[in-house]
């Protein structure tokens, strides 16, 4: 199956697009949207909520005006047993 891949290409993304991304099986860092493979995205949004768990993570909800995207920033990724078995 032929899949259109955009390399170093900028496209406009809305929060709705982020929420409809589908993971590609056997490729943990790549996603698919309308038949296109994506590996890196950027967004400009406003943080509308924040939940800080000391030594664990920061959970953010960011809003670009179309919808909110939930995000997690792991603080203890290098020392956590949860992540050590995945490396």
N, C-alpha and C. Protein backbone atom coordinates (compact mmCIF):
# COMPACT_ATOMS: atom_id res chain seq x y z
N UNK A 1 0.84 -1.18 0.00
CA UNK A 1 0.00 0.00 0.00
C UNK A 1 0.88 1.24 0.00
N UNK A 2 0.59 2.16 -0.87
CA UNK A 2 1.34 3.40 -0.97
C UNK A 2 0.80 4.40 0.06
N UNK A 3 1.70 4.96 0.85
CA UNK A 3 1.32 5.96 1.84
C UNK A 3 2.09 7.23 1.55
N UNK A 4 1.37 8.34 1.45
CA UNK A 4 2.01 9.63 1.21
C UNK A 4 2.71 10.09 2.47
N UNK A 5 4.02 10.28 2.41
CA UNK A 5 4.78 10.75 3.55
C UNK A 5 5.26 12.16 3.27
N UNK A 6 5.02 13.04 4.23
CA UNK A 6 5.45 14.42 4.12
C UNK A 6 6.68 14.59 4.99
N UNK A 7 7.82 14.85 4.38
CA UNK A 7 9.06 15.01 5.12
C UNK A 7 9.39 16.49 5.15
N UNK A 8 9.64 17.01 6.36
CA UNK A 8 9.96 18.42 6.55
C UNK A 8 8.92 19.33 5.90
N UNK A 9 7.66 18.98 6.08
CA UNK A 9 6.56 19.74 5.49
C UNK A 9 5.71 20.32 6.61
N UNK A 10 5.31 21.56 6.44
CA UNK A 10 4.46 22.22 7.43
C UNK A 10 3.02 22.19 6.94
N UNK A 11 2.13 21.72 7.80
CA UNK A 11 0.72 21.76 7.49
C UNK A 11 -0.03 22.35 8.69
N UNK A 12 -1.17 22.94 8.46
CA UNK A 12 -1.95 23.53 9.53
C UNK A 12 -2.70 22.44 10.27
N UNK A 13 -2.53 22.42 11.60
CA UNK A 13 -3.16 21.44 12.46
C UNK A 13 -4.02 22.14 13.48
N UNK A 14 -5.21 21.65 13.71
CA UNK A 14 -6.06 22.14 14.78
C UNK A 14 -6.12 21.08 15.87
N UNK A 15 -6.59 21.46 17.05
CA UNK A 15 -6.68 20.50 18.16
C UNK A 15 -7.48 19.28 17.75
N UNK A 16 -8.53 19.48 16.98
CA UNK A 16 -9.33 18.36 16.51
C UNK A 16 -8.48 17.34 15.75
N UNK A 17 -7.53 17.83 14.94
CA UNK A 17 -6.65 16.94 14.20
C UNK A 17 -5.78 16.10 15.14
N UNK A 18 -5.25 16.73 16.19
CA UNK A 18 -4.44 16.00 17.16
C UNK A 18 -5.25 14.88 17.80
N UNK A 19 -6.50 15.17 18.12
CA UNK A 19 -7.33 14.20 18.81
C UNK A 19 -7.76 13.05 17.92
N UNK A 20 -7.65 13.20 16.60
CA UNK A 20 -8.04 12.12 15.69
C UNK A 20 -6.85 11.34 15.15
N UNK A 21 -5.64 11.65 15.60
CA UNK A 21 -4.46 10.88 15.18
C UNK A 21 -4.59 9.43 15.62
N UNK A 22 -4.14 8.52 14.77
CA UNK A 22 -4.18 7.09 15.09
C UNK A 22 -2.75 6.56 15.11
N UNK A 23 -2.38 5.82 16.17
CA UNK A 23 -1.04 5.25 16.21
C UNK A 23 -0.85 4.21 15.12
N UNK A 24 0.35 4.15 14.58
CA UNK A 24 0.69 3.16 13.57
C UNK A 24 1.24 1.94 14.29
N UNK A 25 0.63 0.77 14.08
CA UNK A 25 1.11 -0.44 14.77
C UNK A 25 2.59 -0.70 14.49
N UNK A 26 3.31 -1.10 15.50
CA UNK A 26 4.73 -1.45 15.44
C UNK A 26 5.64 -0.26 15.18
N UNK A 27 5.11 0.95 15.25
CA UNK A 27 5.92 2.16 15.12
C UNK A 27 5.49 3.10 16.24
N UNK A 28 6.16 3.02 17.38
CA UNK A 28 5.70 3.70 18.59
C UNK A 28 5.73 5.22 18.51
N UNK A 29 6.49 5.81 17.60
CA UNK A 29 6.59 7.27 17.54
C UNK A 29 5.89 7.88 16.32
N UNK A 30 5.23 7.07 15.52
CA UNK A 30 4.57 7.57 14.33
C UNK A 30 3.07 7.42 14.43
N UNK A 31 2.37 8.37 13.80
CA UNK A 31 0.92 8.37 13.80
C UNK A 31 0.42 8.58 12.39
N UNK A 32 -0.87 8.33 12.19
CA UNK A 32 -1.48 8.47 10.88
C UNK A 32 -2.67 9.41 10.97
N UNK A 33 -2.80 10.25 9.96
CA UNK A 33 -3.95 11.15 9.84
C UNK A 33 -4.32 11.22 8.37
N UNK A 34 -5.49 10.71 8.04
CA UNK A 34 -5.99 10.73 6.66
C UNK A 34 -4.98 10.14 5.68
N UNK A 35 -4.34 9.03 6.06
CA UNK A 35 -3.41 8.34 5.18
C UNK A 35 -2.01 8.92 5.15
N UNK A 36 -1.74 9.92 5.96
CA UNK A 36 -0.40 10.52 6.00
C UNK A 36 0.29 10.15 7.31
N UNK A 37 1.56 9.79 7.22
CA UNK A 37 2.33 9.44 8.41
C UNK A 37 2.93 10.70 9.00
N UNK A 38 2.86 10.81 10.32
CA UNK A 38 3.41 11.96 11.04
C UNK A 38 4.30 11.46 12.16
N UNK A 39 5.41 12.16 12.39
CA UNK A 39 6.27 11.78 13.50
C UNK A 39 6.59 12.95 14.42
N UNK A 40 6.31 14.17 13.99
CA UNK A 40 6.62 15.34 14.80
C UNK A 40 5.60 16.43 14.49
N UNK A 41 5.07 17.04 15.55
CA UNK A 41 4.13 18.13 15.36
C UNK A 41 4.45 19.26 16.33
N UNK A 42 3.96 20.42 16.03
CA UNK A 42 4.08 21.58 16.91
C UNK A 42 2.72 22.26 16.95
N UNK A 43 2.43 22.90 18.06
CA UNK A 43 1.18 23.64 18.15
C UNK A 43 1.40 24.91 18.95
N UNK A 44 0.56 25.89 18.70
CA UNK A 44 0.55 27.11 19.50
C UNK A 44 -0.80 27.15 20.18
N UNK A 45 -0.79 27.10 21.49
CA UNK A 45 -2.02 27.03 22.26
C UNK A 45 -1.84 27.74 23.58
N UNK A 46 -2.91 27.81 24.33
CA UNK A 46 -2.90 28.41 25.66
C UNK A 46 -3.14 27.31 26.68
N UNK A 47 -2.34 27.29 27.75
CA UNK A 47 -2.54 26.33 28.82
C UNK A 47 -3.77 26.78 29.61
N UNK A 48 -4.78 25.90 29.69
CA UNK A 48 -6.01 26.25 30.39
C UNK A 48 -6.15 25.53 31.73
N UNK A 49 -5.39 24.46 31.94
CA UNK A 49 -5.39 23.80 33.25
C UNK A 49 -4.05 23.09 33.44
N UNK A 50 -3.70 22.90 34.71
CA UNK A 50 -2.42 22.29 35.05
C UNK A 50 -2.58 21.48 36.32
N UNK A 51 -2.02 20.28 36.33
CA UNK A 51 -2.04 19.42 37.51
C UNK A 51 -0.62 18.91 37.72
N UNK A 52 0.00 19.29 38.83
CA UNK A 52 1.40 18.93 39.11
C UNK A 52 1.46 17.85 40.17
N UNK A 53 2.09 16.74 39.83
CA UNK A 53 2.34 15.66 40.79
C UNK A 53 3.85 15.63 41.02
N UNK A 54 4.31 16.08 42.21
CA UNK A 54 5.75 16.18 42.47
C UNK A 54 6.48 14.86 42.20
N UNK A 55 7.61 14.98 41.52
CA UNK A 55 8.47 13.85 41.16
C UNK A 55 7.80 12.81 40.26
N UNK A 56 6.67 13.17 39.64
CA UNK A 56 5.99 12.24 38.75
C UNK A 56 5.73 12.87 37.38
N UNK A 57 4.78 13.82 37.32
CA UNK A 57 4.43 14.39 36.02
C UNK A 57 3.72 15.72 36.20
N UNK A 58 3.60 16.43 35.08
CA UNK A 58 2.75 17.61 34.98
C UNK A 58 1.73 17.32 33.89
N UNK A 59 0.45 17.42 34.23
CA UNK A 59 -0.62 17.22 33.25
C UNK A 59 -1.15 18.59 32.86
N UNK A 60 -1.17 18.85 31.56
CA UNK A 60 -1.62 20.12 31.03
C UNK A 60 -2.78 19.89 30.07
N UNK A 61 -3.70 20.82 30.04
CA UNK A 61 -4.70 20.88 28.97
C UNK A 61 -4.42 22.16 28.21
N UNK A 62 -4.18 22.02 26.91
CA UNK A 62 -3.91 23.19 26.08
C UNK A 62 -5.05 23.39 25.09
N UNK A 63 -5.37 24.64 24.82
CA UNK A 63 -6.53 24.98 23.99
C UNK A 63 -6.08 25.92 22.87
N UNK A 64 -6.41 25.55 21.63
CA UNK A 64 -6.07 26.41 20.49
C UNK A 64 -7.30 27.16 19.97
N UNK A 65 -8.41 27.07 20.70
CA UNK A 65 -9.63 27.74 20.28
C UNK A 65 -10.61 26.81 19.61
N UNK A 66 -10.18 25.62 19.22
CA UNK A 66 -11.08 24.66 18.60
C UNK A 66 -11.41 23.50 19.53
N UNK A 67 -10.47 23.16 20.40
CA UNK A 67 -10.66 22.07 21.35
C UNK A 67 -9.47 22.05 22.30
N UNK A 68 -9.54 21.20 23.32
CA UNK A 68 -8.43 21.06 24.27
C UNK A 68 -7.68 19.77 24.00
N UNK A 69 -6.36 19.83 24.14
CA UNK A 69 -5.49 18.67 23.98
C UNK A 69 -4.90 18.34 25.34
N UNK A 70 -5.13 17.12 25.85
CA UNK A 70 -4.50 16.73 27.11
C UNK A 70 -3.04 16.33 26.85
N UNK A 71 -2.13 16.80 27.71
CA UNK A 71 -0.70 16.51 27.55
C UNK A 71 -0.13 16.10 28.90
N UNK A 72 0.86 15.22 28.86
CA UNK A 72 1.57 14.83 30.08
C UNK A 72 3.06 15.00 29.85
N UNK A 73 3.72 15.68 30.78
CA UNK A 73 5.16 15.83 30.77
C UNK A 73 5.70 15.02 31.93
N UNK A 74 6.38 13.91 31.63
CA UNK A 74 6.92 13.04 32.67
C UNK A 74 8.17 13.65 33.25
N UNK A 75 8.20 13.77 34.56
CA UNK A 75 9.35 14.37 35.24
C UNK A 75 10.39 13.31 35.58
N UNK A 76 9.95 12.11 35.94
CA UNK A 76 10.84 11.07 36.43
C UNK A 76 11.11 9.98 35.41
N UNK A 77 11.09 10.30 34.17
CA UNK A 77 11.22 9.28 33.12
C UNK A 77 12.53 8.50 33.22
N UNK A 78 13.63 9.14 33.58
CA UNK A 78 14.91 8.45 33.65
C UNK A 78 15.03 7.53 34.86
N UNK A 79 14.31 7.81 35.94
CA UNK A 79 14.45 7.04 37.17
C UNK A 79 13.27 6.13 37.49
N UNK A 80 12.20 6.25 36.76
CA UNK A 80 10.99 5.46 37.05
C UNK A 80 11.14 4.01 36.60
N UNK A 81 10.66 3.07 37.44
CA UNK A 81 10.66 1.65 37.04
C UNK A 81 9.68 1.43 35.89
N UNK A 82 8.64 2.24 35.81
CA UNK A 82 7.64 2.11 34.75
C UNK A 82 8.26 2.27 33.37
N UNK A 83 9.18 3.20 33.22
CA UNK A 83 9.81 3.46 31.93
C UNK A 83 11.04 2.60 31.68
N UNK A 84 11.68 2.11 32.73
CA UNK A 84 12.96 1.40 32.55
C UNK A 84 12.79 0.11 31.76
N UNK A 85 11.65 -0.57 31.85
CA UNK A 85 11.48 -1.82 31.11
C UNK A 85 11.13 -1.59 29.66
N UNK A 86 10.79 -0.38 29.27
CA UNK A 86 10.44 -0.08 27.88
C UNK A 86 11.66 0.27 27.03
N UNK A 87 12.76 0.57 27.65
CA UNK A 87 13.95 1.02 26.90
C UNK A 87 14.67 -0.15 26.28
